[in-house]
Amino acid sequence: MQVVNVSSVTHRFGWVGDVAGFLASWRPGSYYPSTKLANALFAFELQRRLGEQGVQVPGGEGGARAVHHSWDG
């Protein structure tokens, strides 16, 4: 089984601190880098906890990829 996590290179500018404080002070749109860091940390922890059971948790950056669309010809 795989759980694929998509994050962003902007995670480098994020900061979570304590989780309770992070969630309590949430304002939509104001914490994009921090949410991307939280995604990456979640993937790391999920792999640590479930890796021995065969679960793979690959992560990656979803943007800035060359994609071929059928309508591009």
N, C-alpha and C. Protein backbone atom coordinates (compact mmCIF):
# COMPACT_ATOMS: atom_id res chain seq x y z
N MET A 1 0.85 -1.17 0.00
CA MET A 1 0.00 0.00 0.00
C MET A 1 0.89 1.23 0.00
N GLN A 2 0.45 2.27 -0.70
CA GLN A 2 1.16 3.54 -0.73
C GLN A 2 0.23 4.66 -0.33
N VAL A 3 0.76 5.59 0.42
CA VAL A 3 0.08 6.84 0.72
C VAL A 3 0.97 7.92 0.12
N VAL A 4 0.53 8.56 -0.94
CA VAL A 4 1.36 9.55 -1.64
C VAL A 4 1.07 10.93 -1.06
N ASN A 5 2.13 11.61 -0.68
CA ASN A 5 2.01 12.93 -0.09
C ASN A 5 2.61 13.96 -1.04
N VAL A 6 1.83 14.97 -1.38
CA VAL A 6 2.32 16.03 -2.26
C VAL A 6 2.49 17.29 -1.42
N SER A 7 3.67 17.83 -1.48
CA SER A 7 3.97 19.03 -0.71
C SER A 7 4.49 20.10 -1.66
N SER A 8 5.38 20.94 -1.20
CA SER A 8 5.91 22.02 -2.01
C SER A 8 7.28 22.40 -1.48
N VAL A 9 8.12 22.93 -2.36
CA VAL A 9 9.43 23.39 -1.90
C VAL A 9 9.30 24.54 -0.91
N THR A 10 8.13 25.16 -0.85
CA THR A 10 7.94 26.25 0.11
C THR A 10 7.94 25.75 1.55
N HIS A 11 7.95 24.41 1.75
CA HIS A 11 8.03 23.89 3.11
C HIS A 11 9.28 24.40 3.81
N ARG A 12 10.30 24.77 3.03
CA ARG A 12 11.55 25.28 3.62
C ARG A 12 11.34 26.58 4.38
N PHE A 13 10.26 27.28 4.09
CA PHE A 13 9.99 28.56 4.74
C PHE A 13 8.92 28.44 5.83
N GLY A 14 8.47 27.22 6.08
CA GLY A 14 7.42 27.01 7.07
C GLY A 14 7.96 26.81 8.47
N TRP A 15 7.09 26.98 9.42
CA TRP A 15 7.40 26.75 10.82
C TRP A 15 6.12 26.30 11.50
N VAL A 16 6.21 25.24 12.27
CA VAL A 16 5.02 24.71 12.95
C VAL A 16 5.07 25.00 14.44
N GLY A 17 6.23 24.87 15.08
CA GLY A 17 6.31 25.07 16.53
C GLY A 17 5.51 23.98 17.22
N ASP A 18 4.70 24.37 18.18
CA ASP A 18 3.86 23.35 18.82
C ASP A 18 2.57 23.19 18.03
N VAL A 19 2.13 21.97 17.88
CA VAL A 19 0.99 21.65 17.02
C VAL A 19 -0.29 22.31 17.51
N ALA A 20 -0.53 22.28 18.82
CA ALA A 20 -1.76 22.88 19.36
C ALA A 20 -1.83 24.38 19.04
N GLY A 21 -0.72 25.07 19.22
CA GLY A 21 -0.70 26.50 18.91
C GLY A 21 -0.86 26.77 17.43
N PHE A 22 -0.25 25.91 16.61
CA PHE A 22 -0.37 26.06 15.16
C PHE A 22 -1.82 25.93 14.72
N LEU A 23 -2.51 24.91 15.24
CA LEU A 23 -3.90 24.69 14.87
C LEU A 23 -4.83 25.76 15.45
N ALA A 24 -4.53 26.23 16.66
CA ALA A 24 -5.39 27.23 17.30
C ALA A 24 -5.30 28.60 16.62
N SER A 25 -4.15 28.91 16.03
CA SER A 25 -3.98 30.23 15.43
C SER A 25 -4.18 30.20 13.92
N TRP A 26 -4.80 29.16 13.42
CA TRP A 26 -4.99 28.99 11.98
C TRP A 26 -5.82 30.11 11.37
N ARG A 27 -5.31 30.67 10.26
CA ARG A 27 -6.06 31.64 9.46
C ARG A 27 -5.92 31.21 8.00
N PRO A 28 -7.02 30.99 7.32
CA PRO A 28 -6.94 30.51 5.93
C PRO A 28 -6.04 31.40 5.07
N GLY A 29 -5.16 30.77 4.33
CA GLY A 29 -4.30 31.48 3.40
C GLY A 29 -3.04 32.07 4.00
N SER A 30 -2.92 32.06 5.31
CA SER A 30 -1.79 32.74 5.92
C SER A 30 -0.62 31.83 6.26
N TYR A 31 -0.81 30.54 6.16
CA TYR A 31 0.22 29.60 6.59
C TYR A 31 0.60 28.60 5.51
N TYR A 32 0.59 28.99 4.27
CA TYR A 32 0.86 28.04 3.19
C TYR A 32 2.18 27.30 3.39
N PRO A 33 3.31 27.98 3.61
CA PRO A 33 4.57 27.24 3.80
C PRO A 33 4.51 26.29 5.00
N SER A 34 3.85 26.70 6.05
CA SER A 34 3.76 25.85 7.25
C SER A 34 2.90 24.62 7.00
N THR A 35 1.84 24.76 6.20
CA THR A 35 1.02 23.58 5.90
C THR A 35 1.79 22.60 5.03
N LYS A 36 2.65 23.11 4.15
CA LYS A 36 3.47 22.23 3.33
C LYS A 36 4.51 21.51 4.18
N LEU A 37 5.06 22.19 5.17
CA LEU A 37 5.97 21.55 6.12
C LEU A 37 5.23 20.48 6.92
N ALA A 38 4.02 20.80 7.36
CA ALA A 38 3.22 19.82 8.11
C ALA A 38 2.94 18.59 7.25
N ASN A 39 2.68 18.76 5.95
CA ASN A 39 2.48 17.62 5.05
C ASN A 39 3.72 16.75 5.01
N ALA A 40 4.89 17.37 4.87
CA ALA A 40 6.14 16.61 4.79
C ALA A 40 6.42 15.88 6.11
N LEU A 41 6.18 16.54 7.23
CA LEU A 41 6.39 15.91 8.53
C LEU A 41 5.42 14.75 8.75
N PHE A 42 4.18 14.92 8.28
CA PHE A 42 3.20 13.84 8.38
C PHE A 42 3.67 12.61 7.59
N ALA A 43 4.15 12.83 6.38
CA ALA A 43 4.62 11.72 5.55
C ALA A 43 5.80 11.01 6.22
N PHE A 44 6.72 11.78 6.76
CA PHE A 44 7.87 11.20 7.44
C PHE A 44 7.43 10.34 8.63
N GLU A 45 6.53 10.87 9.43
CA GLU A 45 6.06 10.14 10.62
C GLU A 45 5.24 8.92 10.24
N LEU A 46 4.41 9.03 9.22
CA LEU A 46 3.61 7.89 8.78
C LEU A 46 4.51 6.77 8.28
N GLN A 47 5.55 7.12 7.53
CA GLN A 47 6.51 6.12 7.06
C GLN A 47 7.22 5.48 8.25
N ARG A 48 7.58 6.27 9.24
CA ARG A 48 8.27 5.74 10.42
C ARG A 48 7.39 4.74 11.17
N ARG A 49 6.10 5.08 11.28
CA ARG A 49 5.19 4.22 12.06
C ARG A 49 4.71 2.99 11.30
N LEU A 50 4.50 3.11 10.00
CA LEU A 50 3.88 2.02 9.25
C LEU A 50 4.80 1.35 8.24
N GLY A 51 6.03 1.84 8.12
CA GLY A 51 6.96 1.29 7.14
C GLY A 51 7.22 -0.20 7.32
N GLU A 52 7.36 -0.64 8.56
CA GLU A 52 7.63 -2.05 8.81
C GLU A 52 6.45 -2.95 8.47
N GLN A 53 5.27 -2.35 8.31
CA GLN A 53 4.07 -3.12 7.93
C GLN A 53 3.87 -3.12 6.42
N GLY A 54 4.85 -2.58 5.69
CA GLY A 54 4.79 -2.59 4.23
C GLY A 54 4.17 -1.36 3.60
N VAL A 55 3.80 -0.39 4.40
CA VAL A 55 3.22 0.85 3.85
C VAL A 55 4.36 1.75 3.39
N GLN A 56 4.26 2.24 2.16
CA GLN A 56 5.24 3.18 1.62
C GLN A 56 4.60 4.56 1.55
N VAL A 57 5.35 5.57 1.95
CA VAL A 57 4.83 6.93 1.96
C VAL A 57 5.78 7.83 1.18
N PRO A 58 5.73 7.77 -0.15
CA PRO A 58 6.58 8.67 -0.93
C PRO A 58 6.01 10.09 -0.89
N GLY A 59 6.89 11.04 -0.98
CA GLY A 59 6.46 12.43 -1.00
C GLY A 59 7.15 13.16 -2.13
N GLY A 60 6.56 14.24 -2.55
CA GLY A 60 7.18 15.00 -3.62
C GLY A 60 6.57 16.36 -3.77
N GLU A 61 7.19 17.11 -4.65
CA GLU A 61 6.74 18.47 -4.96
C GLU A 61 5.80 18.38 -6.14
N GLY A 62 4.60 18.85 -5.98
CA GLY A 62 3.59 18.70 -7.02
C GLY A 62 3.68 19.67 -8.18
N GLY A 63 4.29 20.81 -7.97
CA GLY A 63 4.37 21.81 -9.02
C GLY A 63 5.67 21.71 -9.80
N ALA A 64 5.79 22.56 -10.78
CA ALA A 64 7.02 22.68 -11.57
C ALA A 64 7.42 21.35 -12.21
N ARG A 65 6.46 20.62 -12.71
CA ARG A 65 6.73 19.37 -13.39
C ARG A 65 6.31 19.50 -14.85
N ALA A 66 7.08 18.90 -15.71
CA ALA A 66 6.71 18.87 -17.12
C ALA A 66 5.60 17.84 -17.30
N VAL A 67 4.48 18.28 -17.78
CA VAL A 67 3.33 17.40 -17.95
C VAL A 67 2.87 17.49 -19.39
N HIS A 68 2.64 16.34 -20.00
CA HIS A 68 2.11 16.33 -21.35
C HIS A 68 0.61 16.09 -21.27
N HIS A 69 -0.15 17.02 -21.79
CA HIS A 69 -1.60 16.90 -21.85
C HIS A 69 -2.00 16.46 -23.25
N SER A 70 -3.03 15.66 -23.35
CA SER A 70 -3.47 15.17 -24.65
C SER A 70 -3.86 16.32 -25.58
N TRP A 71 -4.33 17.41 -25.02
CA TRP A 71 -4.77 18.53 -25.86
C TRP A 71 -3.58 19.38 -26.34
N ASP A 72 -2.36 19.09 -25.84
CA ASP A 72 -1.18 19.82 -26.30
C ASP A 72 -0.68 19.33 -27.65
N GLY A 73 -1.17 18.20 -28.09
CA GLY A 73 -0.77 17.68 -29.40
C GLY A 73 0.37 16.73 -29.40
